[in-house]
PDB file of N, CA and C in Angstrom:
ATOM      1  N   HIS A   1     -18.249 -72.270   8.002  1.00  0.00           N
ATOM      2  CA  HIS A   1     -19.086 -71.839   9.084  1.00  0.00           C
ATOM      3  C   HIS A   1     -18.900 -72.583  10.288  1.00  0.00           C
ATOM      4  N   ILE A   2     -19.279 -71.935  11.407  1.00  0.00           N
ATOM      5  CA  ILE A   2     -18.881 -72.453  12.666  1.00  0.00           C
ATOM      6  C   ILE A   2     -19.759 -73.905  12.925  1.00  0.00           C
ATOM      7  N   SER A   3     -20.890 -73.744  12.342  1.00  0.00           N
ATOM      8  CA  SER A   3     -21.836 -75.005  12.388  1.00  0.00           C
ATOM      9  C   SER A   3     -21.118 -76.315  11.758  1.00  0.00           C
ATOM     10  N   VAL A   4     -20.313 -76.000  10.687  1.00  0.00           N
ATOM     11  CA  VAL A   4     -19.640 -77.131   9.996  1.00  0.00           C
ATOM     12  C   VAL A   4     -18.503 -77.603  10.854  1.00  0.00           C
ATOM     13  N   VAL A   5     -17.800 -76.649  11.540  1.00  0.00           N
ATOM     14  CA  VAL A   5     -16.673 -77.038  12.580  1.00  0.00           C
ATOM     15  C   VAL A   5     -17.303 -78.002  13.760  1.00  0.00           C
ATOM     16  N   ARG A   6     -18.392 -77.496  14.253  1.00  0.00           N
ATOM     17  CA  ARG A   6     -19.111 -78.172  15.423  1.00  0.00           C
ATOM     18  C   ARG A   6     -19.691 -79.694  14.909  1.00  0.00           C
ATOM     19  N   PHE A   7     -20.238 -79.725  13.629  1.00  0.00           N
ATOM     20  CA  PHE A   7     -20.548 -80.998  13.178  1.00  0.00           C
ATOM     21  C   PHE A   7     -19.093 -81.878  13.156  1.00  0.00           C
ATOM     22  N   ALA A   8     -18.075 -81.277  12.551  1.00  0.00           N
ATOM     23  CA  ALA A   8     -16.991 -82.033  12.235  1.00  0.00           C
ATOM     24  C   ALA A   8     -16.337 -82.565  13.574  1.00  0.00           C
ATOM     25  N   GLU A   9     -16.544 -81.927  14.673  1.00  0.00           N
ATOM     26  CA  GLU A   9     -16.088 -82.275  16.009  1.00  0.00           C
ATOM     27  C   GLU A   9     -16.555 -83.803  16.344  1.00  0.00           C
ATOM     28  N   LEU A  10     -17.753 -84.101  15.804  1.00  0.00           N
ATOM     29  CA  LEU A  10     -18.386 -85.443  16.082  1.00  0.00           C
ATOM     30  C   LEU A  10     -17.639 -86.500  15.406  1.00  0.00           C
ATOM     31  N   PHE A  11     -16.921 -86.137  14.282  1.00  0.00           N
ATOM     32  CA  PHE A  11     -16.354 -87.292  13.464  1.00  0.00           C
ATOM     33  C   PHE A  11     -14.878 -87.230  13.049  1.00  0.00           C
ATOM     34  N   LEU A  12     -14.199 -86.094  13.293  1.00  0.00           N
ATOM     35  CA  LEU A  12     -12.885 -85.879  13.024  1.00  0.00           C
ATOM     36  C   LEU A  12     -11.873 -85.890  14.216  1.00  0.00           C
ATOM     37  N   ARG A  13     -10.759 -86.099  14.045  1.00  0.00           N
ATOM     38  CA  ARG A  13      -9.650 -86.095  14.943  1.00  0.00           C
ATOM     39  C   ARG A  13      -9.664 -84.548  15.451  1.00  0.00           C
ATOM     40  N   LYS A  14      -9.260 -84.396  16.655  1.00  0.00           N
ATOM     41  CA  LYS A  14      -9.146 -83.075  17.232  1.00  0.00           C
ATOM     42  C   LYS A  14      -8.205 -82.070  16.418  1.00  0.00           C
ATOM     43  N   GLU A  15      -7.054 -82.809  16.008  1.00  0.00           N
ATOM     44  CA  GLU A  15      -6.123 -82.015  15.314  1.00  0.00           C
ATOM     45  C   GLU A  15      -6.756 -81.495  13.920  1.00  0.00           C
ATOM     46  N   ASP A  16      -7.478 -82.266  13.267  1.00  0.00           N
ATOM     47  CA  ASP A  16      -8.180 -81.910  12.010  1.00  0.00           C
ATOM     48  C   ASP A  16      -9.220 -80.860  12.208  1.00  0.00           C
ATOM     49  N   VAL A  17     -10.000 -80.905  13.329  1.00  0.00           N
ATOM     50  CA  VAL A  17     -10.968 -79.861  13.657  1.00  0.00           C
ATOM     51  C   VAL A  17     -10.266 -78.579  13.877  1.00  0.00           C
ATOM     52  N   ILE A  18      -9.244 -78.572  14.748  1.00  0.00           N
ATOM     53  CA  ILE A  18      -8.329 -77.315  14.917  1.00  0.00           C
ATOM     54  C   ILE A  18      -7.930 -76.618  13.630  1.00  0.00           C
ATOM     55  N   ILE A  19      -7.399 -77.496  12.710  1.00  0.00           N
ATOM     56  CA  ILE A  19      -6.977 -76.997  11.374  1.00  0.00           C
ATOM     57  C   ILE A  19      -8.164 -76.474  10.592  1.00  0.00           C
ATOM     58  N   LEU A  20      -9.263 -77.087  10.664  1.00  0.00           N
ATOM     59  CA  LEU A  20     -10.403 -76.686   9.984  1.00  0.00           C
ATOM     60  C   LEU A  20     -10.859 -75.355  10.538  1.00  0.00           C
ATOM     61  N   ASP A  21     -10.910 -75.224  11.792  1.00  0.00           N
ATOM     62  CA  ASP A  21     -11.421 -74.158  12.449  1.00  0.00           C
ATOM     63  C   ASP A  21     -10.491 -72.893  12.098  1.00  0.00           C
ATOM     64  N   ARG A  22      -9.145 -73.282  11.930  1.00  0.00           N
ATOM     65  CA  ARG A  22      -8.246 -72.099  11.718  1.00  0.00           C
ATOM     66  C   ARG A  22      -8.583 -71.565  10.356  1.00  0.00           C
ATOM     67  N   MET A  23      -8.640 -72.521   9.477  1.00  0.00           N
ATOM     68  CA  MET A  23      -8.927 -72.139   8.030  1.00  0.00           C
ATOM     69  C   MET A  23     -10.152 -71.207   7.945  1.00  0.00           C
ATOM     70  N   ARG A  24     -11.278 -71.691   8.787  1.00  0.00           N
ATOM     71  CA  ARG A  24     -12.514 -70.939   8.736  1.00  0.00           C
ATOM     72  C   ARG A  24     -12.290 -69.489   9.185  1.00  0.00           C
ATOM     73  N   ARG A  25     -11.546 -69.335  10.395  1.00  0.00           N
ATOM     74  CA  ARG A  25     -11.367 -68.123  10.920  1.00  0.00           C
ATOM     75  C   ARG A  25     -10.445 -67.322   9.884  1.00  0.00           C
ATOM     76  N   LYS A  26      -9.573 -67.753   9.165  1.00  0.00           N
ATOM     77  CA  LYS A  26      -8.776 -67.025   8.301  1.00  0.00           C
ATOM     78  C   LYS A  26      -9.513 -66.613   7.083  1.00  0.00           C
ATOM     79  N   ARG A  27     -10.450 -67.420   6.651  1.00  0.00           N
ATOM     80  CA  ARG A  27     -11.280 -67.109   5.455  1.00  0.00           C
ATOM     81  C   ARG A  27     -12.179 -65.969   5.888  1.00  0.00           C
ATOM     82  N   HIS A  28     -12.655 -66.002   7.006  1.00  0.00           N
ATOM     83  CA  HIS A  28     -13.533 -65.003   7.666  1.00  0.00           C
ATOM     84  C   HIS A  28     -12.977 -63.616   7.580  1.00  0.00           C
ATOM     85  N   THR A  29     -11.762 -63.621   8.150  1.00  0.00           N
ATOM     86  CA  THR A  29     -10.811 -62.394   8.219  1.00  0.00           C
ATOM     87  C   THR A  29     -10.786 -61.814   6.902  1.00  0.00           C
ATOM     88  N   THR A  30     -10.237 -62.729   5.838  1.00  0.00           N
ATOM     89  CA  THR A  30     -10.009 -62.237   4.599  1.00  0.00           C
ATOM     90  C   THR A  30     -11.166 -61.726   3.928  1.00  0.00           C
ATOM     91  N   ILE A  31     -12.496 -62.558   3.991  1.00  0.00           N
ATOM     92  CA  ILE A  31     -13.635 -61.980   3.232  1.00  0.00           C
ATOM     93  C   ILE A  31     -14.234 -60.886   3.887  1.00  0.00           C
ATOM     94  N   TYR A  32     -14.336 -60.866   5.261  1.00  0.00           N
ATOM     95  CA  TYR A  32     -15.143 -59.747   5.811  1.00  0.00           C
ATOM     96  C   TYR A  32     -14.319 -58.739   6.498  1.00  0.00           C
ATOM     97  N   ASP A  33     -13.034 -58.761   6.700  1.00  0.00           N
ATOM     98  CA  ASP A  33     -12.296 -57.725   7.507  1.00  0.00           C
ATOM     99  C   ASP A  33     -11.268 -56.992   6.268  1.00  0.00           C
ATOM    100  N   THR A  34      -9.935 -57.494   6.265  1.00  0.00           N
ATOM    101  CA  THR A  34      -9.006 -56.940   5.473  1.00  0.00           C
ATOM    102  C   THR A  34      -8.456 -57.801   4.324  1.00  0.00           C
ATOM    103  N   ALA A  35      -8.289 -57.341   3.139  1.00  0.00           N
ATOM    104  CA  ALA A  35      -7.775 -58.028   2.117  1.00  0.00           C
ATOM    105  C   ALA A  35      -6.245 -58.191   2.480  1.00  0.00           C
ATOM    106  N   GLY A  36      -5.523 -59.139   1.766  1.00  0.00           N
ATOM    107  CA  GLY A  36      -4.267 -59.407   1.879  1.00  0.00           C
ATOM    108  C   GLY A  36      -3.662 -59.908   3.048  1.00  0.00           C
ATOM    109  N   THR A  37      -4.479 -60.667   3.937  1.00  0.00           N
ATOM    110  CA  THR A  37      -4.016 -61.235   5.188  1.00  0.00           C
ATOM    111  C   THR A  37      -3.409 -62.565   4.987  1.00  0.00           C
ATOM    112  N   ILE A  38      -3.721 -63.067   3.809  1.00  0.00           N
ATOM    113  CA  ILE A  38      -3.155 -64.599   3.635  1.00  0.00           C
ATOM    114  C   ILE A  38      -2.148 -64.357   2.474  1.00  0.00           C
ATOM    115  N   SER A  39      -0.987 -64.934   2.797  1.00  0.00           N
ATOM    116  CA  SER A  39       0.096 -64.880   1.766  1.00  0.00           C
ATOM    117  C   SER A  39      -0.214 -65.969   0.766  1.00  0.00           C
ATOM    118  N   GLU A  40       0.497 -65.954  -0.375  1.00  0.00           N
ATOM    119  CA  GLU A  40       0.381 -67.016  -1.391  1.00  0.00           C
ATOM    120  C   GLU A  40       0.817 -68.421  -0.748  1.00  0.00           C
ATOM    121  N   ILE A  41       1.982 -68.408  -0.040  1.00  0.00           N
ATOM    122  CA  ILE A  41       2.263 -69.695   0.490  1.00  0.00           C
ATOM    123  C   ILE A  41       1.402 -70.278   1.532  1.00  0.00           C
ATOM    124  N   GLU A  42       0.869 -69.280   2.404  1.00  0.00           N
ATOM    125  CA  GLU A  42      -0.208 -69.772   3.320  1.00  0.00           C
ATOM    126  C   GLU A  42      -1.410 -70.222   2.628  1.00  0.00           C
ATOM    127  N   ALA A  43      -1.766 -69.528   1.557  1.00  0.00           N
ATOM    128  CA  ALA A  43      -3.003 -70.151   0.753  1.00  0.00           C
ATOM    129  C   ALA A  43      -2.756 -71.540   0.162  1.00  0.00           C
ATOM    130  N   GLU A  44      -1.538 -71.812  -0.321  1.00  0.00           N
ATOM    131  CA  GLU A  44      -1.190 -72.996  -0.906  1.00  0.00           C
ATOM    132  C   GLU A  44      -1.141 -74.146   0.140  1.00  0.00           C
ATOM    133  N   ASN A  45      -0.651 -73.788   1.418  1.00  0.00           N
ATOM    134  CA  ASN A  45      -0.618 -74.758   2.605  1.00  0.00           C
ATOM    135  C   ASN A  45      -2.037 -75.007   3.018  1.00  0.00           C
ATOM    136  N   ILE A  46      -3.043 -73.980   2.948  1.00  0.00           N
ATOM    137  CA  ILE A  46      -4.323 -74.374   3.393  1.00  0.00           C
ATOM    138  C   ILE A  46      -4.969 -75.153   2.365  1.00  0.00           C
ATOM    139  N   VAL A  47      -4.851 -75.007   0.949  1.00  0.00           N
ATOM    140  CA  VAL A  47      -5.461 -75.908  -0.016  1.00  0.00           C
ATOM    141  C   VAL A  47      -4.705 -77.312   0.148  1.00  0.00           C
ATOM    142  N   MET A  48      -3.527 -77.336   0.439  1.00  0.00           N
ATOM    143  CA  MET A  48      -3.061 -78.586   0.567  1.00  0.00           C
ATOM    144  C   MET A  48      -3.538 -79.453   1.823  1.00  0.00           C
ATOM    145  N   ARG A  49      -3.834 -78.864   2.942  1.00  0.00           N
ATOM    146  CA  ARG A  49      -4.373 -79.307   4.223  1.00  0.00           C
ATOM    147  C   ARG A  49      -5.804 -79.595   3.936  1.00  0.00           C
ATOM    148  N   ALA A  50      -6.399 -78.643   3.127  1.00  0.00           N
ATOM    149  CA  ALA A  50      -7.878 -79.092   2.759  1.00  0.00           C
ATOM    150  C   ALA A  50      -8.102 -80.255   1.995  1.00  0.00           C
ATOM    151  N   GLU A  51      -7.335 -80.452   1.107  1.00  0.00           N
ATOM    152  CA  GLU A  51      -7.240 -81.550   0.178  1.00  0.00           C
ATOM    153  C   GLU A  51      -7.174 -82.863   0.983  1.00  0.00           C
ATOM    154  N   LYS A  52      -6.153 -82.789   1.895  1.00  0.00           N
ATOM    155  CA  LYS A  52      -5.827 -83.985   2.992  1.00  0.00           C
ATOM    156  C   LYS A  52      -7.037 -84.146   3.602  1.00  0.00           C
ATOM    157  N   LEU A  53      -7.651 -83.199   4.171  1.00  0.00           N
ATOM    158  CA  LEU A  53      -9.027 -83.420   5.005  1.00  0.00           C
ATOM    159  C   LEU A  53      -9.911 -84.050   4.285  1.00  0.00           C
ATOM    160  N   VAL A  54     -10.287 -83.607   3.011  1.00  0.00           N
ATOM    161  CA  VAL A  54     -11.320 -84.135   2.163  1.00  0.00           C
ATOM    162  C   VAL A  54     -11.010 -85.610   1.896  1.00  0.00           C
ATOM    163  N   GLN A  55      -9.669 -85.920   1.673  1.00  0.00           N
ATOM    164  CA  GLN A  55      -9.315 -87.376   1.496  1.00  0.00           C
ATOM    165  C   GLN A  55      -9.642 -88.263   2.680  1.00  0.00           C
ATOM    166  N   GLU A  56      -9.435 -87.637   3.851  1.00  0.00           N
ATOM    167  CA  GLU A  56      -9.755 -88.509   5.102  1.00  0.00           C
ATOM    168  C   GLU A  56     -11.220 -88.654   5.280  1.00  0.00           C
ATOM    169  N   ILE A  57     -12.053 -87.596   4.985  1.00  0.00           N
ATOM    170  CA  ILE A  57     -13.499 -87.727   4.986  1.00  0.00           C
ATOM    171  C   ILE A  57     -14.073 -88.715   4.095  1.00  0.00           C
ATOM    172  N   VAL A  58     -13.436 -88.687   2.704  1.00  0.00           N
ATOM    173  CA  VAL A  58     -13.906 -89.652   1.716  1.00  0.00           C
ATOM    174  C   VAL A  58     -13.606 -91.070   2.247  1.00  0.00           C
ATOM    175  N   LYS A  59     -12.480 -91.247   2.952  1.00  0.00           N
ATOM    176  CA  LYS A  59     -12.075 -92.571   3.397  1.00  0.00           C
ATOM    177  C   LYS A  59     -12.993 -93.004   4.575  1.00  0.00           C
ATOM    178  N   MET A  60     -13.348 -92.079   5.399  1.00  0.00           N
ATOM    179  CA  MET A  60     -14.331 -92.383   6.499  1.00  0.00           C
ATOM    180  C   MET A  60     -15.687 -92.709   6.009  1.00  0.00           C
ATOM    181  N   ILE A  61     -16.210 -92.103   4.866  1.00  0.00           N
ATOM    182  CA  ILE A  61     -17.432 -92.370   4.352  1.00  0.00           C
ATOM    183  C   ILE A  61     -17.356 -93.815   3.623  1.00  0.00           C
ATOM    184  N   ARG A  62     -16.173 -94.116   3.034  1.00  0.00           N
ATOM    185  CA  ARG A  62     -16.181 -95.474   2.291  1.00  0.00           C
ATOM    186  C   ARG A  62     -16.274 -96.550   3.412  1.00  0.00           C
ATOM    187  N   ASP A  63     -15.418 -96.268   4.442  1.00  0.00           N
ATOM    188  CA  ASP A  63     -15.339 -97.251   5.554  1.00  0.00           C
ATOM    189  C   ASP A  63     -16.529 -97.691   6.182  1.00  0.00           C
ATOM    190  N   VAL A  64     -17.404 -96.511   6.202  1.00  0.00           N
ATOM    191  CA  VAL A  64     -18.737 -96.749   6.880  1.00  0.00           C
ATOM    192  C   VAL A  64     -19.846 -97.387   5.963  1.00  0.00           C
ATOM    193  N   GLY A  65     -19.771 -96.903   4.620  1.00  0.00           N
ATOM    194  CA  GLY A  65     -20.704 -97.584   3.643  1.00  0.00           C
ATOM    195  C   GLY A  65     -20.407 -98.658   3.209  1.00  0.00           C
TER     196      GLY A  65
END
């Protein structure tokens, strides 16, 4: 959701926010518009980027806590 992206802008690097927003837009298109807009390779890349982003967020939380 866009609210998550806006919140992420407060804490994440600009490059990560851009990637997160691209994933959000792609998901929105896939869910609400047309099926088949994401290839298998693109889906694998998105999952890999999302896992990396989660690792960075976990590290940020550990560093603060």
